[in-house]
Amino acid sequence: MRFAGATTADFPSFENKPLNPNLCEPRKVNFQFDNIPKLWLNNNSALTHFFNAMNLFLPAFEGFMVRVMRNQLPRINNTQLEVPIRGFIKQEATHGQTHQKYNKIL
């Protein structure tokens, strides 16, 4: 498993755009889930099942985070804080949709 030193070119399903640390915005992803090997993480059953289990939990957690942040937006009076919060909401909504798509085939 190699992540250190990886670039967006190593992950063709991700939109390739520079990271702006001051702005949280969702990336466009196009994961193809139709030909995933049974043991997709280093051919290791423990790692694969651990991350499959995490994937089952994440849509609920991300939905919770979206609801919490959205409910608190009316209380935010700082535009410098509001902009990244809105970006975070969009990003988490996108994550949740991707996890749900994967969970359907899981």
Protein backbone atom coordinates (compact mmCIF):
# COMPACT_ATOMS: atom_id res chain seq x y z
CA MET A 1 0.00 0.00 0.00
CA ARG A 2 1.59 3.28 -1.09
CA PHE A 3 0.28 6.69 -0.15
CA ALA A 4 3.38 8.65 0.88
CA GLY A 5 4.52 10.82 -2.00
CA ALA A 6 1.38 10.08 -4.02
CA THR A 7 -0.05 12.82 -6.23
CA THR A 8 -3.47 13.30 -7.78
CA ALA A 9 -2.06 11.61 -10.90
CA ASP A 10 -1.90 8.40 -8.84
CA PHE A 11 -5.67 8.62 -8.27
CA PRO A 12 -7.31 9.19 -11.68
CA SER A 13 -10.82 9.11 -10.17
CA PHE A 14 -10.18 12.42 -8.42
CA GLU A 15 -10.53 15.80 -10.03
CA ASN A 16 -7.03 17.18 -10.45
CA LYS A 17 -6.95 20.70 -9.05
CA PRO A 18 -4.62 22.46 -6.62
CA LEU A 19 -5.48 22.35 -2.94
CA ASN A 20 -6.49 25.65 -1.39
CA PRO A 21 -6.05 25.29 2.39
CA ASN A 22 -8.26 28.36 2.98
CA LEU A 23 -11.26 26.98 1.10
CA CYS A 24 -12.95 23.65 1.60
CA GLU A 25 -14.72 22.61 -1.56
CA PRO A 26 -15.79 19.22 -2.89
CA ARG A 27 -13.80 17.55 -5.60
CA LYS A 28 -15.56 15.88 -8.48
CA VAL A 29 -15.03 12.14 -8.23
CA ASN A 30 -15.92 9.40 -10.66
CA PHE A 31 -15.25 6.14 -8.89
CA GLN A 32 -16.12 3.04 -10.86
CA PHE A 33 -17.34 0.32 -8.53
CA ASP A 34 -18.25 -2.35 -11.07
CA ASN A 35 -15.02 -4.42 -11.08
CA ILE A 36 -13.77 -4.27 -7.51
CA PRO A 37 -11.85 -7.38 -6.43
CA LYS A 38 -13.26 -9.22 -3.43
CA LEU A 39 -10.14 -8.41 -1.39
CA TRP A 40 -9.54 -4.94 -2.79
CA LEU A 41 -7.04 -3.67 -0.19
CA ASN A 42 -3.67 -5.37 -0.76
CA ASN A 43 -5.49 -8.71 -1.17
CA ASN A 44 -5.86 -8.64 2.63
CA SER A 45 -9.17 -9.83 4.09
CA ALA A 46 -8.77 -8.08 7.46
CA LEU A 47 -7.96 -4.68 5.91
CA THR A 48 -10.63 -5.03 3.24
CA HIS A 49 -13.37 -5.94 5.72
CA PHE A 50 -12.29 -3.28 8.21
CA PHE A 51 -12.56 -0.53 5.59
CA ASN A 52 -15.79 -2.01 4.18
CA ALA A 53 -17.24 -1.80 7.70
CA MET A 54 -16.04 1.81 8.04
CA ASN A 55 -17.68 2.58 4.71
CA LEU A 56 -21.02 1.35 6.07
CA PHE A 57 -20.75 3.81 8.97
CA LEU A 58 -19.47 6.87 7.12
CA PRO A 59 -22.64 7.95 5.24
CA ALA A 60 -24.54 8.26 8.53
CA PHE A 61 -21.69 10.19 10.15
CA GLU A 62 -21.27 12.50 7.16
CA GLY A 63 -25.02 13.10 7.05
CA PHE A 64 -24.90 13.96 10.75
CA MET A 65 -22.06 16.44 10.16
CA VAL A 66 -23.98 18.08 7.30
CA ARG A 67 -27.08 18.48 9.49
CA VAL A 68 -25.10 19.89 12.42
CA MET A 69 -23.21 22.40 10.30
CA ARG A 70 -26.30 23.42 8.32
CA ASN A 71 -28.27 23.96 11.54
CA GLN A 72 -25.51 26.16 12.95
CA LEU A 73 -25.06 28.34 9.84
CA PRO A 74 -27.63 30.96 10.97
CA ARG A 75 -25.49 31.53 14.10
CA ILE A 76 -22.29 32.21 12.14
CA ASN A 77 -21.65 35.95 11.84
CA ASN A 78 -18.15 35.66 10.43
CA THR A 79 -18.01 35.39 6.62
CA GLN A 80 -14.45 34.11 6.74
CA LEU A 81 -15.79 31.17 8.74
CA GLU A 82 -19.06 30.77 6.83
CA VAL A 83 -17.44 30.19 3.43
CA PRO A 84 -15.37 27.13 4.47
CA ILE A 85 -18.32 25.75 6.46
CA ARG A 86 -20.51 25.87 3.36
CA GLY A 87 -17.70 24.17 1.42
CA PHE A 88 -17.44 21.52 4.13
CA ILE A 89 -21.19 20.85 3.89
CA LYS A 90 -20.93 20.35 0.14
CA GLN A 91 -17.85 18.16 0.51
CA GLU A 92 -19.46 15.91 3.12
CA ALA A 93 -22.63 15.60 1.05
CA THR A 94 -20.51 14.48 -1.91
CA HIS A 95 -18.62 12.00 0.29
CA GLY A 96 -21.88 10.57 1.59
CA GLN A 97 -23.25 10.04 -1.91
CA THR A 98 -20.08 8.24 -2.97
CA HIS A 99 -20.14 5.98 0.10
CA GLN A 100 -23.81 5.15 -0.53
CA LYS A 101 -23.02 4.27 -4.15
CA TYR A 102 -20.25 1.93 -2.97
CA ASN A 103 -22.44 0.42 -0.23
CA LYS A 104 -25.06 -0.59 -2.78
CA ILE A 105 -22.58 -2.96 -4.40
CA LEU A 106 -20.98 -4.01 -1.12
